Amino acid sequence: MNLNINVDENEKLKTVTLSGEIDAYTAPKLKETLLPLTQEDQAVVKVDLEGVSYMDSTGLGVFISALKSTKEYDSQLTLVKMNDRVYRLFEITGLTEIIDIETDSTVRGGM
């Protein structure tokens, strides 16, 4: 399966909507799209993961790179609408402690 990436930019708010699978094959495409968005000074980047059915460790690596980029450029990264299966991957690796994750209008993680 492929990964579909849709970016909606509204001044400082960037919304990235993903659907499909994030794996070794699709992660480079996601990184190529996501990192430049986090490199805008004080940008707010929200990544909608509702349509993501599968993610492996390469996907986690992309989000870690994006988080590091937000620190350099004083921007913000929030992951939203993550299904339980994908959330569990972030939880097992401890990334819920360092990445903002919102599900059902509540923040599950923190920075």
Protein backbone atom coordinates (compact mmCIF):
# COMPACT_ATOMS: atom_id res chain seq x y z
CA MET A 1 0.00 0.00 0.00
CA ASN A 2 1.07 3.57 -0.57
CA LEU A 3 0.98 6.65 1.58
CA ASN A 4 -1.15 9.60 0.52
CA ILE A 5 -0.01 12.98 1.83
CA ASN A 6 -2.13 16.12 1.66
CA VAL A 7 -0.77 19.45 2.95
CA ASP A 8 -3.02 22.40 3.74
CA GLU A 9 -1.13 25.59 4.56
CA ASN A 10 -2.85 28.54 6.23
CA GLU A 11 -0.22 31.13 7.22
CA LYS A 12 1.64 29.61 10.21
CA LEU A 13 -0.69 26.58 10.53
CA LYS A 14 0.26 23.61 8.39
CA THR A 15 -2.04 20.57 8.42
CA VAL A 16 -0.68 17.34 7.00
CA THR A 17 -3.29 14.63 6.41
CA LEU A 18 -1.96 11.12 5.92
CA SER A 19 -3.63 7.93 4.74
CA GLY A 20 -2.14 4.54 4.06
CA GLU A 21 0.96 2.93 5.52
CA ILE A 22 4.15 4.52 6.84
CA ASP A 23 7.02 2.09 6.38
CA ALA A 24 10.53 1.89 4.95
CA TYR A 25 9.14 2.41 1.46
CA THR A 26 6.93 5.46 2.18
CA ALA A 27 8.82 7.14 5.06
CA PRO A 28 11.28 9.03 2.79
CA LYS A 29 8.36 10.68 0.96
CA LEU A 30 6.82 11.70 4.30
CA LYS A 31 10.13 13.07 5.59
CA GLU A 32 10.66 15.05 2.38
CA THR A 33 7.24 16.67 2.85
CA LEU A 34 7.14 17.10 6.63
CA LEU A 35 10.60 18.44 7.50
CA PRO A 36 10.44 21.63 5.40
CA LEU A 37 7.14 22.51 7.11
CA THR A 38 8.77 22.30 10.55
CA GLN A 39 11.66 24.46 9.36
CA GLU A 40 9.53 27.59 9.09
CA ASP A 41 10.04 29.89 12.06
CA GLN A 42 7.22 29.46 14.60
CA ALA A 43 5.13 27.25 12.33
CA VAL A 44 2.43 25.08 13.86
CA VAL A 45 2.36 21.68 12.16
CA LYS A 46 -0.52 19.29 12.82
CA VAL A 47 -0.28 15.80 11.39
CA ASP A 48 -3.61 13.98 11.02
CA LEU A 49 -2.96 10.25 11.29
CA GLU A 50 -6.59 9.08 11.20
CA GLY A 51 -6.12 7.37 7.84
CA VAL A 52 -2.85 5.62 8.77
CA SER A 53 -3.45 1.89 9.07
CA TYR A 54 0.15 0.83 9.75
CA MET A 55 3.43 2.38 10.84
CA ASP A 56 6.82 0.84 11.56
CA SER A 57 10.00 2.17 13.17
CA THR A 58 11.01 4.13 10.06
CA GLY A 59 7.84 6.15 10.48
CA LEU A 60 8.75 6.84 14.09
CA GLY A 61 12.14 8.04 12.87
CA VAL A 62 10.49 10.60 10.60
CA PHE A 63 8.50 12.04 13.50
CA ILE A 64 11.61 12.15 15.71
CA SER A 65 13.45 14.07 12.96
CA ALA A 66 10.49 16.45 12.66
CA LEU A 67 10.46 16.98 16.42
CA LYS A 68 14.18 17.82 16.41
CA SER A 69 13.56 20.27 13.58
CA THR A 70 10.81 22.03 15.57
CA LYS A 71 13.28 22.63 18.38
CA GLU A 72 15.75 24.27 15.97
CA TYR A 73 13.17 26.50 14.29
CA ASP A 74 10.92 27.29 17.28
CA SER A 75 8.01 25.59 15.56
CA GLN A 76 5.46 23.15 16.96
CA LEU A 77 4.47 19.59 16.02
CA THR A 78 1.25 17.90 17.10
CA LEU A 79 0.00 14.49 16.01
CA VAL A 80 -3.79 14.20 15.90
CA LYS A 81 -6.48 11.52 15.35
CA MET A 82 -4.12 8.60 15.83
CA ASN A 83 -5.71 5.16 16.02
CA ASP A 84 -4.98 2.94 19.02
CA ARG A 85 -2.69 0.60 17.11
CA VAL A 86 -0.40 3.43 15.95
CA TYR A 87 -0.61 5.16 19.35
CA ARG A 88 0.59 1.94 20.99
CA LEU A 89 3.78 2.10 18.90
CA PHE A 90 4.49 5.61 20.21
CA GLU A 91 3.63 4.50 23.75
CA ILE A 92 5.89 1.41 23.74
CA THR A 93 8.85 3.49 22.55
CA GLY A 94 8.25 6.25 25.11
CA LEU A 95 7.62 8.87 22.43
CA THR A 96 4.28 9.81 24.00
CA GLU A 97 6.36 11.58 26.65
CA ILE A 98 8.09 13.92 24.18
CA ILE A 99 5.70 14.39 21.25
CA ASP A 100 2.34 16.16 21.55
CA ILE A 101 -0.37 13.66 20.66
CA GLU A 102 -4.05 14.59 20.58
CA THR A 103 -6.86 12.07 20.32
CA ASP A 104 -10.53 12.80 20.85
CA SER A 105 -9.72 16.44 21.72
CA THR A 106 -7.39 15.49 24.57
CA VAL A 107 -3.61 15.65 24.65
CA ARG A 108 -2.08 12.25 25.36
CA GLY A 109 1.55 13.33 25.39
CA GLY A 110 3.53 16.43 26.18
CA MET A 111 6.65 18.30 25.42
